[in-house]
Amino acid sequence: MIKLNAAPVLLLYFAKKAGSRNSFTTPIPVYLDEKLTGIYVDTEKYGLTVSTDAVVNYDPNNGNKGNLVLQQKGESQQTVINLIGRRDSIILNMLLPALQSIYSKIIAKKDYRLAYFNKNTLIFNGRLASFEINQTRQNDLVSFSLGIEVPAEESEQGVTMIEGKPISKIPLKAA
């Protein structure tokens, strides 16, 4: 049972063998709760990029009258998580180098996946899209931003899918 007041969690998955895109290790959970790990979610932004194309389908049996069809496809879904952590947090000092390693070494091989859960935001099969750290000397806090992106997948029917769900195809009548 999922608790409504549960701490947000970031899951890191790595490929069991280099180049293996279907076999991943047991995920490494990072709880984003100030009391548990010294890291907490400050703000979060979620978005879905959709493109729309107008296509005319001609029917030779209908006197070549065309129907205008608007086809929408999801390009990607993105989440940007702004986090704050204490400099003396052990988890923060393990997480930041791990994320830097993903970004610099593993990203080209695509041998990892990210998942993120926080109340209304659920991300599966994500990839690191951006990573930024901001530190100041005025206090003992480190703020960092983590961008996670889930690219769209093409289904066998040519309909673009995000998280296994089709983005709509809307038929319209030509004027």
Protein backbone atom coordinates (compact mmCIF):
# COMPACT_ATOMS: atom_id res chain seq x y z
CA MET A 1 0.00 0.00 0.00
CA ILE A 2 1.35 3.42 -0.95
CA LYS A 3 1.16 6.07 1.73
CA LEU A 4 0.10 9.55 0.65
CA ASN A 5 2.73 11.13 2.88
CA ALA A 6 5.52 8.79 1.73
CA ALA A 7 8.89 10.31 0.93
CA PRO A 8 9.68 10.94 -2.75
CA VAL A 9 12.08 8.34 -4.12
CA LEU A 10 14.55 8.26 -7.00
CA LEU A 11 15.47 4.80 -8.29
CA LEU A 12 18.73 4.11 -10.15
CA TYR A 13 18.95 0.99 -12.35
CA PHE A 14 22.11 -0.20 -14.10
CA ALA A 15 22.51 -2.83 -16.84
CA LYS A 16 23.67 -6.24 -15.61
CA LYS A 17 26.00 -6.54 -18.61
CA ALA A 18 27.43 -3.74 -20.73
CA GLY A 19 25.20 -3.14 -23.73
CA SER A 20 22.28 -5.06 -22.22
CA ARG A 21 19.16 -2.91 -22.55
CA ASN A 22 16.67 -5.44 -21.20
CA SER A 23 18.35 -6.80 -18.10
CA PHE A 24 18.86 -4.40 -15.20
CA THR A 25 20.04 -4.73 -11.62
CA THR A 26 17.86 -4.37 -8.59
CA PRO A 27 17.17 -0.64 -8.28
CA ILE A 28 19.06 1.50 -5.82
CA PRO A 29 16.50 3.68 -4.00
CA VAL A 30 17.38 7.20 -2.88
CA TYR A 31 14.72 8.56 -0.54
CA LEU A 32 14.37 12.30 -0.90
CA ASP A 33 13.38 13.10 2.66
CA GLU A 34 15.30 15.54 4.83
CA LYS A 35 14.97 13.37 7.96
CA LEU A 36 16.05 10.14 6.24
CA THR A 37 18.77 11.28 3.86
CA GLY A 38 19.33 15.01 4.33
CA ILE A 39 18.03 15.62 0.77
CA TYR A 40 14.58 16.99 -0.01
CA VAL A 41 12.55 18.12 -3.03
CA ASP A 42 12.29 21.91 -3.19
CA THR A 43 10.29 22.23 -6.43
CA GLU A 44 9.26 19.96 -9.25
CA LYS A 45 8.12 20.66 -12.81
CA TYR A 46 6.49 18.11 -15.10
CA GLY A 47 5.83 18.49 -18.83
CA LEU A 48 4.82 16.58 -21.92
CA THR A 49 6.00 17.62 -25.38
CA VAL A 50 3.47 16.85 -28.12
CA SER A 51 3.73 17.55 -31.85
CA THR A 52 0.73 17.85 -34.18
CA ASP A 53 0.73 17.13 -37.91
CA ALA A 54 -2.17 17.75 -40.30
CA VAL A 55 -2.39 14.93 -42.86
CA VAL A 56 -4.85 14.67 -45.77
CA ASN A 57 -5.98 11.13 -46.51
CA TYR A 58 -7.38 10.71 -50.05
CA ASP A 59 -9.98 8.06 -50.77
CA PRO A 60 -10.11 7.16 -54.52
CA ASN A 61 -13.51 5.49 -53.98
CA ASN A 62 -14.95 8.78 -52.71
CA GLY A 63 -14.11 10.92 -55.74
CA ASN A 64 -10.67 11.79 -54.33
CA LYS A 65 -12.21 13.85 -51.54
CA GLY A 66 -9.73 14.03 -48.78
CA ASN A 67 -10.22 13.85 -45.07
CA LEU A 68 -8.06 16.03 -42.91
CA VAL A 69 -6.61 14.07 -40.01
CA LEU A 70 -4.70 15.66 -37.17
CA GLN A 71 -2.09 13.28 -35.85
CA GLN A 72 -0.59 14.02 -32.49
CA LYS A 73 2.39 12.26 -31.10
CA GLY A 74 4.17 12.60 -27.84
CA GLU A 75 7.80 13.53 -28.28
CA SER A 76 8.82 13.07 -24.65
CA GLN A 77 7.83 13.63 -21.07
CA GLN A 78 10.13 15.60 -18.83
CA THR A 79 10.46 16.23 -15.13
CA VAL A 80 12.84 18.72 -13.54
CA ILE A 81 13.38 18.19 -9.84
CA ASN A 82 15.08 20.88 -7.78
CA LEU A 83 16.62 19.35 -4.69
CA ILE A 84 18.34 20.71 -1.61
CA GLY A 85 20.68 18.78 0.65
CA ARG A 86 22.98 19.39 3.56
CA ARG A 87 26.70 19.26 2.73
CA ASP A 88 27.32 16.79 5.56
CA SER A 89 24.71 14.31 4.27
CA ILE A 90 26.33 10.95 3.50
CA ILE A 91 23.66 10.17 0.89
CA LEU A 92 24.22 13.51 -0.85
CA ASN A 93 27.94 12.84 -0.98
CA MET A 94 27.24 9.44 -2.57
CA LEU A 95 24.41 10.56 -4.91
CA LEU A 96 26.15 13.50 -6.57
CA PRO A 97 29.22 11.52 -7.71
CA ALA A 98 26.93 8.69 -8.90
CA LEU A 99 24.87 11.12 -11.00
CA GLN A 100 28.03 12.73 -12.37
CA SER A 101 29.29 9.26 -13.30
CA ILE A 102 26.03 8.46 -15.08
CA TYR A 103 26.15 11.73 -16.96
CA SER A 104 29.79 11.49 -18.01
CA LYS A 105 30.43 7.77 -18.58
CA ILE A 106 27.32 5.64 -18.77
CA ILE A 107 25.06 7.99 -20.71
CA ALA A 108 26.59 7.22 -24.11
CA LYS A 109 26.04 3.48 -23.60
CA LYS A 110 22.47 3.95 -22.28
CA ASP A 111 23.16 1.26 -19.68
CA TYR A 112 21.00 2.80 -16.96
CA ARG A 113 17.42 3.84 -16.19
CA LEU A 114 15.90 6.23 -13.68
CA ALA A 115 12.52 6.12 -11.99
CA TYR A 116 11.01 8.82 -9.80
CA PHE A 117 7.95 8.75 -7.57
CA ASN A 118 6.47 11.72 -5.74
CA LYS A 119 2.72 11.83 -5.11
CA ASN A 120 1.26 12.83 -8.52
CA THR A 121 4.49 12.45 -10.50
CA LEU A 122 5.49 8.97 -11.62
CA ILE A 123 8.38 8.49 -14.05
CA PHE A 124 9.47 5.07 -15.30
CA ASN A 125 12.23 4.16 -17.75
CA GLY A 126 13.71 7.67 -17.63
CA ARG A 127 17.07 8.99 -18.67
CA LEU A 128 19.10 11.84 -17.28
CA ALA A 129 18.38 14.93 -19.40
CA SER A 130 20.17 17.56 -17.32
CA PHE A 131 22.11 17.88 -14.11
CA GLU A 132 23.24 21.04 -12.34
CA ILE A 133 24.77 21.77 -8.92
CA ASN A 134 24.76 25.12 -7.13
CA GLN A 135 26.79 25.65 -3.94
CA THR A 136 27.48 28.76 -1.93
CA ARG A 137 29.76 29.50 1.01
CA GLN A 138 27.04 31.34 2.94
CA ASN A 139 25.40 28.17 4.27
CA ASP A 140 25.82 24.42 4.46
CA LEU A 141 23.21 23.64 1.79
CA VAL A 142 23.75 22.33 -1.72
CA SER A 143 21.02 22.83 -4.29
CA PHE A 144 20.94 20.74 -7.42
CA SER A 145 18.61 20.21 -10.32
CA LEU A 146 17.94 16.87 -11.92
CA GLY A 147 16.17 16.64 -15.28
CA ILE A 148 14.66 13.27 -16.20
CA GLU A 149 13.27 12.60 -19.67
CA VAL A 150 11.27 9.66 -21.03
CA PRO A 151 11.53 9.60 -24.84
CA ALA A 152 8.49 8.43 -26.81
CA GLU A 153 8.45 4.95 -28.31
CA GLU A 154 7.09 4.00 -31.72
CA SER A 155 4.50 1.24 -31.60
CA GLU A 156 4.05 -1.38 -34.30
CA GLN A 157 1.09 0.58 -35.71
CA GLY A 158 3.18 3.73 -36.11
CA VAL A 159 1.34 5.48 -33.28
CA THR A 160 3.67 7.20 -30.87
CA MET A 161 3.48 5.80 -27.36
CA ILE A 162 4.54 7.21 -24.01
CA GLU A 163 4.66 4.77 -21.12
CA GLY A 164 2.85 2.23 -23.31
CA LYS A 165 -0.18 4.48 -23.94
CA PRO A 166 -0.98 5.93 -27.40
CA ILE A 167 -1.10 9.65 -27.93
CA SER A 168 -4.32 10.48 -29.80
CA LYS A 169 -5.14 10.42 -33.50
CA ILE A 170 -8.01 12.84 -34.15
CA PRO A 171 -9.95 12.61 -37.46
CA LEU A 172 -11.47 15.88 -38.65
CA LYS A 173 -13.74 16.55 -41.60
CA ALA A 174 -12.32 18.85 -44.27
CA ALA A 175 -14.28 22.06 -44.79
